[in-house]
Amino acid sequence: MKEKLMKGSYFLGNGHFEVRDVPIPETGAHDVLIRVTACGICGTDVHIYHGDKGSADVCPPVILGHELAGVVEKVGEAVTNVKPGDHVTVDPNIYCGNCHYCQIGKKQLCENLFAIGVNRNGGFAEYCMVPETQCFILNDRIPLRYGAMTEPLACCLHGIDRAGIKQGDTVCIIGGGAIGLIMVQLARLAGATKVVLSEPVVLRQQVGLELGADAVIDPVHEKITQRLQEISGMPGADVVIECVGTPVAVGQAFQAAKRGATLLIFSVPQAGSVYDLHLEEIYQKELTIIGSMINPDTHGRAAAMINSGIIQFDSIITHSFPVDQVEEAVLMQMKNESIKVIVEFENFLKKY
């Protein structure tokens, strides 16, 4: 019998991808074979493209793509939670369960973390095989391209949980990429009465206002502290969420923070990035500085929010590419004319 093949875009390292015809993965007893319909380009993919690690070490050749959704094609004999034909999103992060951090309830810090689409073949292929435990069902009426946004939404939910926004807070979000625009919506849902987006790109400013920001600041041409005083009547924000990943953006986050504020440094910075921390400022402002790592136990909540339609993605997803143009998709994700770029499988999408 002739072996069935699929197309997969392999990352070879050094900024190169290669489309290969490879065998469709065989499902084990607890595995689910997904026919991929959409897979997002993440900032982590951009870092990997430039030679940095992802949430775990990357060992090319590997099929990247960890923000994936699709339709169940086949299940192993022991699978009970999903069936062929189900629309699903995938939590890519898999934890060992045995290390110190897993055992103290902080599995996002797992010493043996590995991830689908990072160091195990992922969603930049026609099919992806994942453990049953990583699958979450999507409503059939939800566009599957929205399902590809579940993982970034889940990460944002973990960050929002850690930020501790209270009803009545003013929240300033630094950066209007896909993550920042999701944070705009979540901050509003968390009870913020003022949501301010700091972003220099006009397209992203406009989308931020459409998605619920009360005001935007151009950090290149305006002073953040002055504008926050004008917008909120206070000398800064109660909560600042940094979503860019550069020392300049972190500096802007410190400027935006009023006394007693919480700073969530949410972004994934380039390896080796350094910010000169002014210790006196932390002391005098009594700042709380928080990090956020991936999406422990929030993927199901994110899928529920997507199924409800409460989070908007149409204006965030700006570009899509076929699987044989993953490198072009990554390059587009780096440009200001894009917000969120996804890889879609057009022939299959005609059915769904």
Protein backbone atom coordinates (compact mmCIF):
# COMPACT_ATOMS: atom_id res chain seq x y z
CA MET A 1 0.00 0.00 0.00
CA LYS A 2 1.31 3.43 -0.96
CA GLU A 3 2.26 5.56 2.04
CA LYS A 4 0.09 8.66 2.52
CA LEU A 5 2.07 11.90 2.47
CA MET A 6 1.47 15.45 3.65
CA LYS A 7 3.18 18.77 3.08
CA GLY A 8 5.11 20.20 6.00
CA SER A 9 7.23 23.34 6.21
CA TYR A 10 10.42 22.44 8.08
CA PHE A 11 12.51 25.06 9.83
CA LEU A 12 16.14 24.27 9.01
CA GLY A 13 17.77 26.96 11.12
CA ASN A 14 19.53 30.13 9.95
CA GLY A 15 16.26 31.68 8.78
CA HIS A 16 15.44 28.97 6.24
CA PHE A 17 12.33 26.85 5.70
CA GLU A 18 11.85 23.93 3.31
CA VAL A 19 8.55 22.35 2.26
CA ARG A 20 8.78 18.57 2.28
CA ASP A 21 6.42 15.73 1.42
CA VAL A 22 6.54 13.51 4.49
CA PRO A 23 4.45 10.64 5.87
CA ILE A 24 1.29 11.56 7.76
CA PRO A 25 1.99 10.77 11.44
CA GLU A 26 0.69 7.50 12.89
CA THR A 27 -1.58 7.88 15.90
CA GLY A 28 -0.81 6.05 19.11
CA ALA A 29 -3.48 4.93 21.57
CA HIS A 30 -3.82 8.34 23.24
CA ASP A 31 -3.06 10.50 20.19
CA VAL A 32 -5.22 12.70 17.99
CA LEU A 33 -4.45 13.41 14.33
CA ILE A 34 -5.57 16.92 13.37
CA ARG A 35 -5.96 18.26 9.89
CA VAL A 36 -4.67 21.77 10.39
CA THR A 37 -6.74 24.67 9.07
CA ALA A 38 -4.94 27.66 10.58
CA CYS A 39 -1.75 28.31 12.53
CA GLY A 40 -0.58 31.68 13.78
CA ILE A 41 2.85 33.25 13.43
CA CYS A 42 3.96 34.09 16.97
CA GLY A 43 6.63 36.48 18.17
CA THR A 44 8.34 33.35 19.44
CA ASP A 45 8.51 32.07 15.85
CA VAL A 46 10.23 35.33 14.90
CA HIS A 47 12.76 34.83 17.70
CA ILE A 48 13.37 31.24 16.54
CA TYR A 49 13.79 32.47 12.96
CA HIS A 50 16.61 34.72 14.20
CA GLY A 51 18.30 31.88 16.10
CA ASP A 52 16.91 32.36 19.61
CA LYS A 53 15.17 29.65 21.64
CA GLY A 54 11.41 29.44 22.05
CA SER A 55 9.65 28.40 25.25
CA ALA A 56 12.03 25.42 24.98
CA ASP A 57 15.16 24.73 22.95
CA VAL A 58 14.67 24.28 19.19
CA CYS A 59 16.55 21.55 17.33
CA PRO A 60 16.10 21.87 13.54
CA PRO A 61 14.89 20.40 11.31
CA VAL A 62 11.45 20.75 12.89
CA ILE A 63 7.97 21.81 11.81
CA LEU A 64 7.21 24.96 13.81
CA GLY A 65 3.75 26.38 14.51
CA HIS A 66 2.32 26.25 18.03
CA GLU A 67 -0.84 28.37 17.58
CA LEU A 68 -2.93 25.84 15.71
CA ALA A 69 -6.52 24.82 15.16
CA GLY A 70 -8.12 22.28 12.89
CA VAL A 71 -10.47 19.34 12.50
CA VAL A 72 -9.91 15.93 14.07
CA GLU A 73 -9.10 13.42 11.34
CA LYS A 74 -8.38 10.30 13.39
CA VAL A 75 -8.07 9.27 17.04
CA GLY A 76 -6.25 6.48 18.87
CA GLU A 77 -8.22 3.60 20.37
CA ALA A 78 -7.95 4.97 23.93
CA VAL A 79 -9.11 8.53 23.10
CA THR A 80 -12.44 9.47 24.66
CA ASN A 81 -12.65 13.29 24.75
CA VAL A 82 -12.65 14.07 21.02
CA LYS A 83 -13.80 12.30 17.87
CA PRO A 84 -13.27 12.63 14.10
CA GLY A 85 -14.94 15.76 12.78
CA ASP A 86 -14.56 17.79 15.97
CA HIS A 87 -13.13 21.29 15.60
CA VAL A 88 -10.27 21.70 18.06
CA THR A 89 -7.59 24.05 19.28
CA VAL A 90 -4.33 22.77 20.72
CA ASP A 91 -2.48 23.71 23.90
CA PRO A 92 1.12 23.23 22.70
CA ASN A 93 2.84 23.14 26.10
CA ILE A 94 3.52 19.76 27.69
CA TYR A 95 4.96 19.45 31.19
CA CYS A 96 6.87 16.63 32.86
CA GLY A 97 4.82 16.59 36.08
CA ASN A 98 7.85 15.43 38.07
CA CYS A 99 10.24 18.37 38.46
CA HIS A 100 10.30 20.75 41.43
CA TYR A 101 8.17 23.39 39.69
CA CYS A 102 5.51 20.97 38.49
CA GLN A 103 5.24 19.57 41.99
CA ILE A 104 4.72 22.98 43.63
CA GLY A 105 1.97 24.03 41.20
CA LYS A 106 4.05 26.20 38.86
CA LYS A 107 4.22 23.93 35.84
CA GLN A 108 4.75 26.87 33.47
CA LEU A 109 8.29 26.91 34.89
CA CYS A 110 8.77 23.18 34.24
CA GLU A 111 12.42 22.22 33.91
CA ASN A 112 11.57 19.70 31.17
CA LEU A 113 8.97 21.65 29.23
CA PHE A 114 8.56 20.78 25.59
CA ALA A 115 6.11 22.23 23.12
CA ILE A 116 4.29 21.20 19.97
CA GLY A 117 5.53 23.44 17.19
CA VAL A 118 8.73 24.34 19.03
CA ASN A 119 10.74 21.19 19.66
CA ARG A 120 8.13 18.73 18.41
CA ASN A 121 6.50 18.94 14.96
CA GLY A 122 3.65 21.42 14.95
CA GLY A 123 1.09 23.25 12.86
CA PHE A 124 2.93 24.45 9.76
CA ALA A 125 1.87 21.22 8.07
CA GLU A 126 -1.29 19.69 6.67
CA TYR A 127 -1.56 17.34 9.64
CA CYS A 128 -0.35 17.47 13.23
CA MET A 129 -0.42 14.65 15.76
CA VAL A 130 -0.93 15.64 19.41
CA PRO A 131 -1.79 13.94 22.71
CA GLU A 132 -5.50 13.88 23.54
CA THR A 133 -4.79 15.94 26.66
CA GLN A 134 -3.81 18.93 24.53
CA CYS A 135 -7.06 19.19 22.55
CA PHE A 136 -9.90 21.60 23.37
CA ILE A 137 -13.16 21.58 21.41
CA LEU A 138 -14.32 24.63 19.46
CA ASN A 139 -17.92 25.31 18.43
CA ASP A 140 -18.50 24.45 14.78
CA ARG A 141 -19.83 27.96 14.14
CA ILE A 142 -16.55 29.59 15.18
CA PRO A 143 -14.22 30.37 12.25
CA LEU A 144 -11.23 28.07 12.62
CA ARG A 145 -8.83 30.97 12.05
CA TYR A 146 -10.09 32.30 15.40
CA GLY A 147 -9.16 28.96 16.92
CA ALA A 148 -5.55 29.69 16.00
CA MET A 149 -5.75 32.64 18.40
CA THR A 150 -6.57 30.47 21.42
CA GLU A 151 -2.97 29.96 22.53
CA PRO A 152 -2.02 33.68 22.50
CA LEU A 153 -5.32 34.46 24.26
CA ALA A 154 -4.52 31.80 26.87
CA CYS A 155 -1.11 33.35 27.50
CA CYS A 156 -2.72 36.78 27.86
CA LEU A 157 -5.21 35.38 30.37
CA HIS A 158 -2.35 34.13 32.55
CA GLY A 159 -0.78 37.59 32.37
CA ILE A 160 -4.06 39.33 33.21
CA ASP A 161 -4.52 37.00 36.17
CA ARG A 162 -1.08 37.97 37.46
CA ALA A 163 -1.60 41.69 36.85
CA GLY A 164 -4.50 41.78 39.33
CA ILE A 165 -6.56 44.51 37.64
CA LYS A 166 -9.30 45.87 39.92
CA GLN A 167 -12.58 47.50 38.98
CA GLY A 168 -11.93 51.20 38.50
CA ASP A 169 -8.25 50.87 37.56
CA THR A 170 -6.57 52.78 34.77
CA VAL A 171 -4.57 50.36 32.62
CA CYS A 172 -1.90 51.40 30.13
CA ILE A 173 -0.84 48.84 27.52
CA ILE A 174 2.52 49.37 25.85
CA GLY A 175 2.45 48.01 22.30
CA GLY A 176 -0.46 47.47 19.91
CA GLY A 177 0.50 44.22 18.23
CA ALA A 178 -1.82 41.21 18.43
CA ILE A 179 -0.98 40.62 22.09
CA GLY A 180 -1.46 44.25 23.08
CA LEU A 181 -4.82 44.36 21.29
CA ILE A 182 -5.98 41.22 23.08
CA MET A 183 -4.84 42.82 26.35
CA VAL A 184 -6.94 45.91 25.57
CA GLN A 185 -10.04 43.72 25.46
CA LEU A 186 -9.14 41.66 28.53
CA ALA A 187 -8.33 44.76 30.60
CA ARG A 188 -11.78 46.12 29.83
CA LEU A 189 -13.40 42.80 30.75
CA ALA A 190 -11.38 42.75 33.99
CA GLY A 191 -13.01 45.98 35.10
CA ALA A 192 -10.64 48.75 34.05
CA THR A 193 -12.49 52.05 33.65
CA LYS A 194 -9.73 53.59 31.53
CA VAL A 195 -7.73 51.59 29.00
CA VAL A 196 -4.95 53.49 27.26
CA LEU A 197 -2.85 52.07 24.41
CA SER A 198 0.66 53.37 23.76
CA GLU A 199 1.53 52.57 20.14
CA PRO A 200 3.22 54.61 17.38
CA VAL A 201 1.76 52.79 14.32
CA VAL A 202 -1.46 54.46 13.10
CA LEU A 203 -3.10 51.21 11.94
CA ARG A 204 -2.65 49.64 15.38
CA GLN A 205 -3.84 52.80 17.13
CA GLN A 206 -7.05 52.70 15.08
CA VAL A 207 -7.68 49.03 15.79
CA GLY A 208 -6.99 49.61 19.49
CA LEU A 209 -9.70 52.28 19.61
CA GLU A 210 -12.11 50.00 17.74
CA LEU A 211 -11.48 47.20 20.26
CA GLY A 212 -12.14 49.28 23.36
CA ALA A 213 -9.21 51.53 24.19
CA ASP A 214 -10.38 54.88 25.55
CA ALA A 215 -7.37 56.71 24.14
CA VAL A 216 -4.08 56.13 22.36
CA ILE A 217 -0.67 57.64 22.93
CA ASP A 218 2.04 57.99 20.29
CA PRO A 219 5.16 57.36 22.41
CA VAL A 220 7.43 58.70 19.68
CA HIS A 221 5.87 62.15 19.54
CA GLU A 222 4.06 62.46 22.89
CA LYS A 223 5.08 62.29 26.53
CA ILE A 224 3.41 59.31 28.16
CA THR A 225 3.15 60.84 31.63
CA GLN A 226 1.65 64.07 30.31
CA ARG A 227 -0.89 62.26 28.14
CA LEU A 228 -1.91 59.88 30.94
CA GLN A 229 -2.53 62.89 33.20
CA GLU A 230 -4.71 64.45 30.48
CA ILE A 231 -6.62 61.21 29.82
CA SER A 232 -7.15 59.91 33.33
CA GLY A 233 -6.57 62.88 35.61
CA MET A 234 -3.85 60.89 37.37
CA PRO A 235 -0.04 60.97 37.09
CA GLY A 236 0.11 57.51 35.54
CA ALA A 237 -1.64 54.17 35.34
CA ASP A 238 -2.54 51.72 38.11
CA VAL A 239 -1.48 48.76 35.96
CA VAL A 240 0.96 48.87 33.03
CA ILE A 241 1.25 45.90 30.65
CA GLU A 242 4.36 45.86 28.44
CA CYS A 243 3.83 43.88 25.21
CA VAL A 244 6.77 44.83 22.96
CA GLY A 245 9.93 43.20 24.28
CA THR A 246 12.47 45.99 23.87
CA PRO A 247 14.35 48.00 26.52
CA VAL A 248 12.78 51.18 25.13
CA ALA A 249 9.29 49.81 25.68
CA VAL A 250 10.16 48.69 29.20
CA GLY A 251 11.40 52.21 29.89
CA GLN A 252 8.07 53.59 28.67
CA ALA A 253 6.27 51.17 30.98
CA PHE A 254 8.17 52.54 33.97
CA GLN A 255 7.30 56.08 32.90
CA ALA A 256 3.62 55.17 32.63
CA ALA A 257 3.46 53.67 36.12
CA LYS A 258 2.15 55.89 38.88
CA ARG A 259 3.14 55.38 42.51
CA GLY A 260 1.96 52.03 43.82
CA ALA A 261 1.44 50.65 40.30
CA THR A 262 1.89 47.10 39.04
CA LEU A 263 4.08 46.53 35.97
CA LEU A 264 3.48 43.34 34.01
CA ILE A 265 6.46 42.66 31.74
CA PHE A 266 4.56 40.33 29.45
CA SER A 267 6.58 40.37 26.24
CA VAL A 268 9.11 37.77 25.09
CA PRO A 269 12.32 39.82 24.75
CA GLN A 270 15.17 39.12 22.41
CA ALA A 271 17.81 36.98 24.08
CA GLY A 272 20.33 39.12 25.92
CA SER A 273 18.11 42.20 26.16
CA VAL A 274 19.00 44.37 29.17
CA TYR A 275 17.21 47.27 30.86
CA ASP A 276 18.99 49.48 33.39
CA LEU A 277 16.77 49.21 36.43
CA HIS A 278 16.56 52.36 38.52
CA LEU A 279 16.28 50.94 42.02
CA GLU A 280 15.40 54.28 43.58
CA GLU A 281 12.37 54.55 41.30
CA ILE A 282 11.11 51.13 42.41
CA TYR A 283 11.57 52.18 46.04
CA GLN A 284 10.01 55.62 45.76
CA LYS A 285 7.07 54.48 43.65
CA GLU A 286 6.64 51.23 45.58
CA LEU A 287 6.26 49.37 42.28
CA THR A 288 5.29 45.74 41.86
CA ILE A 289 7.06 44.17 38.87
CA ILE A 290 5.67 40.90 37.51
CA GLY A 291 6.66 38.48 34.75
CA SER A 292 4.38 36.03 32.95
CA MET A 293 5.32 32.70 31.36
CA ILE A 294 3.09 30.91 28.81
CA ASN A 295 -0.39 29.57 29.67
CA PRO A 296 -0.70 27.19 32.63
CA ASP A 297 -4.32 25.98 32.92
CA THR A 298 -5.74 28.88 30.91
CA HIS A 299 -6.17 27.27 27.47
CA GLY A 300 -9.60 25.88 28.36
CA ARG A 301 -10.74 29.31 29.53
CA ALA A 302 -9.44 30.86 26.31
CA ALA A 303 -11.32 28.30 24.20
CA ALA A 304 -14.50 29.07 26.17
CA MET A 305 -14.06 32.79 25.51
CA ILE A 306 -13.55 32.18 21.80
CA ASN A 307 -16.61 29.93 21.70
CA SER A 308 -18.61 32.74 23.32
CA GLY A 309 -17.47 35.32 20.76
CA ILE A 310 -16.53 37.77 23.50
CA ILE A 311 -13.05 38.49 22.07
CA GLN A 312 -12.76 40.11 18.64
CA PHE A 313 -10.13 39.00 16.12
CA ASP A 314 -11.26 40.17 12.67
CA SER A 315 -9.30 43.43 12.78
CA ILE A 316 -6.29 41.77 14.46
CA ILE A 317 -5.73 39.08 11.81
CA THR A 318 -4.43 41.12 8.88
CA HIS A 319 -2.58 38.65 6.63
CA SER A 320 -2.63 34.95 5.73
CA PHE A 321 -0.22 32.77 3.75
CA PRO A 322 -0.23 29.17 2.46
CA VAL A 323 1.99 26.51 4.01
CA ASP A 324 4.61 26.81 1.26
CA GLN A 325 5.18 30.46 2.21
CA VAL A 326 5.90 30.21 5.93
CA GLU A 327 9.13 32.19 5.62
CA GLU A 328 7.24 35.00 3.85
CA ALA A 329 4.65 34.87 6.63
CA VAL A 330 7.34 35.24 9.30
CA LEU A 331 8.87 38.18 7.44
CA MET A 332 5.45 39.84 7.15
CA GLN A 333 4.90 39.42 10.90
CA MET A 334 7.98 41.60 11.44
CA LYS A 335 6.48 44.52 9.47
CA ASN A 336 4.41 47.40 10.84
CA GLU A 337 1.81 46.89 8.10
CA SER A 338 0.75 43.63 9.75
CA ILE A 339 -0.76 42.89 13.14
CA LYS A 340 -1.33 39.13 13.18
CA VAL A 341 -0.24 36.82 10.38
CA ILE A 342 -1.54 33.27 10.08
CA VAL A 343 -0.83 30.28 7.86
CA GLU A 344 -4.04 28.84 6.39
CA PHE A 345 -4.79 25.77 4.34
CA GLU A 346 -7.09 27.13 1.67
CA ASN A 347 -8.21 23.91 0.00
CA PHE A 348 -9.38 22.47 3.28
CA LEU A 349 -10.97 25.71 4.45
CA LYS A 350 -13.46 25.54 1.57
CA LYS A 351 -15.09 22.65 3.44
CA TYR A 352 -15.24 24.53 6.76
